[in-house]
Amino acid sequence: MNLSETAFITRTDPSDDFTTGSRFRLRWFTPTTEVNLCGHATLASAAVMFKHKKNVNPKVVFETRSGDLTVTEQGEGYVMDFPLNPPTQQDANEFSDIIKAAVGNHPIQEVYLCAITKKLMVRLADSCDRSVLTGLKVDPVALQSSERSGRVKGLILTMKGSPDNQPGYDFYSRYFAPWMGIPEDPVTGSAHTVLGSYWSKKLGKKKMLGN
């Protein structure tokens, strides 16, 4: 497997089939390990069920290590229900090495950790332009070496968006998980279970657009 995540779908009952069944088991693997949650691989799995297997149900449920995940076919797209994983604020000094490895000397606003998912979230200071986030050259080897306690298995770098511009993003983010065999994940649904909780409270919004 040479992709950041690969999904494996199995039937919950041997008598079920992929066309008429509505519940399936789903597991995800990176090149080095199994993970508890993966958003885009879940969405892709549902697309396979609906488009290629011609599943007759309006929604499918995947039994996973993170509980039941439901994907509903809606028009030309899909609606996916994911868990919410609220992070708690941390003392930045406790994570100074990993912060330094990720953002260098750029100023940060605050640091949060989700103990459930082991995702550390570092928010860049509001004074930073988006180009600071996109321009960061994060060395995955140095990043992994900076944190070996086991408390962190993924790093989210985020910053406040520009909702007044079009298309009006509420926040921006990047995600790194060298501890799980993923130097940088170009798209990640699992990180948004943390980002969604954090930015919803900070912005006072229930509907947001991230990039």
Protein backbone atom coordinates (compact mmCIF):
# COMPACT_ATOMS: atom_id res chain seq x y z
CA MET A 1 0.00 0.00 0.00
CA ASN A 2 1.56 3.27 -1.10
CA LEU A 3 -1.33 5.64 -0.38
CA SER A 4 -1.81 7.64 2.82
CA GLU A 5 -4.87 5.51 3.67
CA THR A 6 -6.43 2.41 2.14
CA ALA A 7 -9.93 1.23 3.09
CA PHE A 8 -11.13 -2.36 3.34
CA ILE A 9 -14.87 -3.12 3.27
CA THR A 10 -16.33 -6.43 4.43
CA ARG A 11 -19.87 -7.72 4.88
CA THR A 12 -21.27 -7.93 8.41
CA ASP A 13 -23.12 -11.12 7.48
CA PRO A 14 -21.94 -13.70 4.91
CA SER A 15 -25.46 -13.79 3.46
CA ASP A 16 -25.44 -10.04 2.74
CA ASP A 17 -24.27 -8.57 -0.54
CA PHE A 18 -22.89 -5.17 -1.48
CA THR A 19 -25.96 -4.25 -3.55
CA THR A 20 -28.75 -4.78 -1.02
CA GLY A 21 -26.95 -4.66 2.32
CA SER A 22 -26.99 -1.46 4.37
CA ARG A 23 -24.36 -2.24 7.03
CA PHE A 24 -20.73 -3.07 6.40
CA ARG A 25 -17.48 -3.26 8.33
CA LEU A 26 -14.78 -0.76 7.41
CA ARG A 27 -11.10 -0.60 8.36
CA TRP A 28 -8.36 1.81 7.28
CA PHE A 29 -4.61 1.34 6.99
CA THR A 30 -1.73 3.72 6.32
CA PRO A 31 1.49 2.32 4.81
CA THR A 32 2.63 1.40 8.34
CA THR A 33 -0.37 0.90 10.65
CA GLU A 34 -4.14 0.70 11.15
CA VAL A 35 -5.92 3.95 12.06
CA ASN A 36 -9.13 4.59 13.98
CA LEU A 37 -10.74 7.05 11.58
CA CYS A 38 -10.33 8.22 7.99
CA GLY A 39 -12.74 10.61 6.34
CA HIS A 40 -11.95 10.54 2.65
CA ALA A 41 -11.52 6.78 2.53
CA THR A 42 -14.97 6.47 4.15
CA LEU A 43 -16.46 8.79 1.55
CA ALA A 44 -14.74 6.87 -1.23
CA SER A 45 -16.05 3.58 0.20
CA ALA A 46 -19.60 4.93 0.13
CA ALA A 47 -19.12 6.12 -3.45
CA VAL A 48 -18.07 2.60 -4.44
CA MET A 49 -21.19 1.19 -2.78
CA PHE A 50 -23.56 3.63 -4.48
CA LYS A 51 -21.95 4.12 -7.89
CA HIS A 52 -20.17 0.86 -8.65
CA LYS A 53 -22.10 -1.70 -6.60
CA LYS A 54 -25.42 0.10 -7.26
CA ASN A 55 -26.47 -0.18 -3.62
CA VAL A 56 -30.24 0.28 -3.42
CA ASN A 57 -30.34 1.88 0.03
CA PRO A 58 -30.52 5.67 0.59
CA LYS A 59 -27.74 5.37 3.16
CA VAL A 60 -25.09 2.92 4.28
CA VAL A 61 -23.65 2.42 7.74
CA PHE A 62 -20.04 1.44 8.32
CA GLU A 63 -19.07 -0.30 11.56
CA THR A 64 -15.61 1.00 12.50
CA ARG A 65 -13.20 1.41 15.40
CA SER A 66 -14.72 4.87 15.87
CA GLY A 67 -18.29 3.57 16.02
CA ASP A 68 -21.01 3.57 13.36
CA LEU A 69 -20.42 6.04 10.51
CA THR A 70 -23.36 6.86 8.24
CA VAL A 71 -23.13 8.12 4.67
CA THR A 72 -26.31 9.26 2.89
CA GLU A 73 -26.71 9.77 -0.83
CA GLN A 74 -28.05 13.27 -1.43
CA GLY A 75 -28.55 14.53 -4.98
CA GLU A 76 -25.24 14.39 -6.81
CA GLY A 77 -23.23 14.10 -3.61
CA TYR A 78 -23.04 12.46 -0.20
CA VAL A 79 -23.56 13.58 3.39
CA MET A 80 -21.27 11.95 5.93
CA ASP A 81 -21.83 11.98 9.71
CA PHE A 82 -18.61 12.07 11.70
CA PRO A 83 -17.92 12.22 15.45
CA LEU A 84 -16.89 15.41 17.24
CA ASN A 85 -13.62 15.26 19.18
CA PRO A 86 -13.20 18.38 21.34
CA PRO A 87 -9.59 19.30 22.19
CA THR A 88 -8.38 20.89 25.43
CA GLN A 89 -5.98 23.81 25.74
CA GLN A 90 -2.37 23.04 26.60
CA ASP A 91 0.71 24.86 27.84
CA ALA A 92 2.71 25.55 24.68
CA ASN A 93 5.96 25.08 26.62
CA GLU A 94 5.14 21.37 27.04
CA PHE A 95 5.26 20.97 23.27
CA SER A 96 8.01 23.45 22.43
CA ASP A 97 10.10 20.91 20.50
CA ILE A 98 7.33 19.80 18.17
CA ILE A 99 6.14 23.39 17.68
CA LYS A 100 9.67 24.48 16.80
CA ALA A 101 10.04 21.59 14.35
CA ALA A 102 6.77 22.50 12.65
CA VAL A 103 6.56 26.30 12.53
CA GLY A 104 10.05 27.49 13.41
CA ASN A 105 10.01 31.02 14.80
CA HIS A 106 6.57 31.98 13.51
CA PRO A 107 4.25 33.22 16.29
CA ILE A 108 1.47 30.98 17.53
CA GLN A 109 -1.88 31.83 19.10
CA GLU A 110 -2.53 28.75 21.21
CA VAL A 111 -2.10 24.99 21.46
CA TYR A 112 -4.78 22.33 21.94
CA LEU A 113 -4.64 18.55 22.28
CA CYS A 114 -7.34 15.96 21.69
CA ALA A 115 -6.41 13.07 23.97
CA ILE A 116 -8.90 10.73 22.27
CA THR A 117 -7.38 11.06 18.81
CA LYS A 118 -3.86 12.09 19.97
CA LYS A 119 -3.97 15.02 17.60
CA LEU A 120 -2.07 18.15 18.63
CA MET A 121 -3.46 21.37 17.15
CA VAL A 122 -1.25 24.44 16.85
CA ARG A 123 -2.98 27.66 15.83
CA LEU A 124 -0.80 30.26 14.16
CA ALA A 125 -1.13 33.84 15.39
CA ASP A 126 -3.82 35.94 13.72
CA SER A 127 -1.09 38.32 12.61
CA CYS A 128 0.20 35.63 10.22
CA ASP A 129 -0.80 35.71 6.57
CA ARG A 130 -2.09 32.54 4.95
CA SER A 131 1.17 32.32 3.00
CA VAL A 132 2.94 31.53 6.27
CA LEU A 133 0.90 28.34 6.66
CA THR A 134 1.15 27.27 3.04
CA GLY A 135 4.85 28.09 2.88
CA LEU A 136 5.95 25.99 5.86
CA LYS A 137 8.49 23.31 4.92
CA VAL A 138 7.92 20.69 7.59
CA ASP A 139 10.54 17.94 7.80
CA PRO A 140 8.62 14.75 8.74
CA VAL A 141 11.72 13.06 10.16
CA ALA A 142 12.53 16.02 12.42
CA LEU A 143 8.87 16.31 13.38
CA GLN A 144 8.63 12.67 14.41
CA SER A 145 11.90 12.88 16.34
CA SER A 146 10.65 15.91 18.28
CA GLU A 147 7.84 13.94 19.95
CA ARG A 148 8.33 10.38 21.20
CA SER A 149 6.20 10.36 24.35
CA GLY A 150 3.26 8.76 22.56
CA ARG A 151 0.90 11.62 23.43
CA VAL A 152 0.87 12.88 19.84
CA LYS A 153 0.16 10.84 16.72
CA GLY A 154 -0.86 13.71 14.44
CA LEU A 155 -0.18 17.44 14.15
CA ILE A 156 -2.75 19.95 12.92
CA LEU A 157 -1.52 23.39 11.93
CA THR A 158 -4.37 25.86 11.58
CA MET A 159 -5.17 29.54 11.37
CA LYS A 160 -8.19 31.78 11.18
CA GLY A 161 -9.64 32.19 7.71
CA SER A 162 -10.86 35.14 5.69
CA PRO A 163 -14.66 34.80 5.60
CA ASP A 164 -15.04 38.19 3.90
CA ASN A 165 -13.20 36.93 0.81
CA GLN A 166 -14.66 34.51 -1.70
CA PRO A 167 -15.30 31.63 -1.24
CA GLY A 168 -15.02 32.77 2.39
CA TYR A 169 -13.05 30.16 4.31
CA ASP A 170 -13.54 30.22 8.09
CA PHE A 171 -10.23 28.49 8.77
CA TYR A 172 -7.22 26.97 7.05
CA SER A 173 -5.28 23.87 8.07
CA ARG A 174 -2.57 21.36 7.23
CA TYR A 175 -2.10 17.92 8.78
CA PHE A 176 1.04 15.87 9.44
CA ALA A 177 1.26 12.33 10.84
CA PRO A 178 4.76 10.86 10.37
CA TRP A 179 4.14 8.80 13.54
CA MET A 180 1.53 6.91 11.49
CA GLY A 181 3.52 6.68 8.27
CA ILE A 182 2.02 9.83 6.69
CA PRO A 183 4.50 12.72 6.20
CA GLU A 184 1.64 15.08 5.26
CA ASP A 185 -1.94 14.16 4.45
CA PRO A 186 -3.20 16.37 1.58
CA VAL A 187 -6.78 15.93 2.74
CA THR A 188 -7.96 14.59 6.08
CA GLY A 189 -11.43 14.13 7.50
CA SER A 190 -10.32 12.88 10.91
CA ALA A 191 -8.50 16.15 11.70
CA HIS A 192 -11.74 18.01 11.08
CA THR A 193 -13.41 16.19 13.97
CA VAL A 194 -11.04 18.28 16.10
CA LEU A 195 -10.98 21.42 13.95
CA GLY A 196 -14.76 21.53 13.71
CA SER A 197 -15.17 21.44 17.48
CA TYR A 198 -12.48 24.08 18.07
CA TRP A 199 -13.46 26.60 15.41
CA SER A 200 -17.19 26.24 16.07
CA LYS A 201 -16.63 27.49 19.61
CA LYS A 202 -14.14 30.18 18.59
CA LEU A 203 -16.28 31.58 15.79
CA GLY A 204 -19.70 30.87 17.28
CA LYS A 205 -20.79 29.07 14.11
CA LYS A 206 -22.36 25.69 13.35
CA LYS A 207 -21.76 25.77 9.61
CA MET A 208 -18.23 26.48 8.43
CA LEU A 209 -16.04 26.20 5.37
CA GLY A 210 -12.44 25.06 5.81
CA ASN A 211 -9.52 24.71 3.46
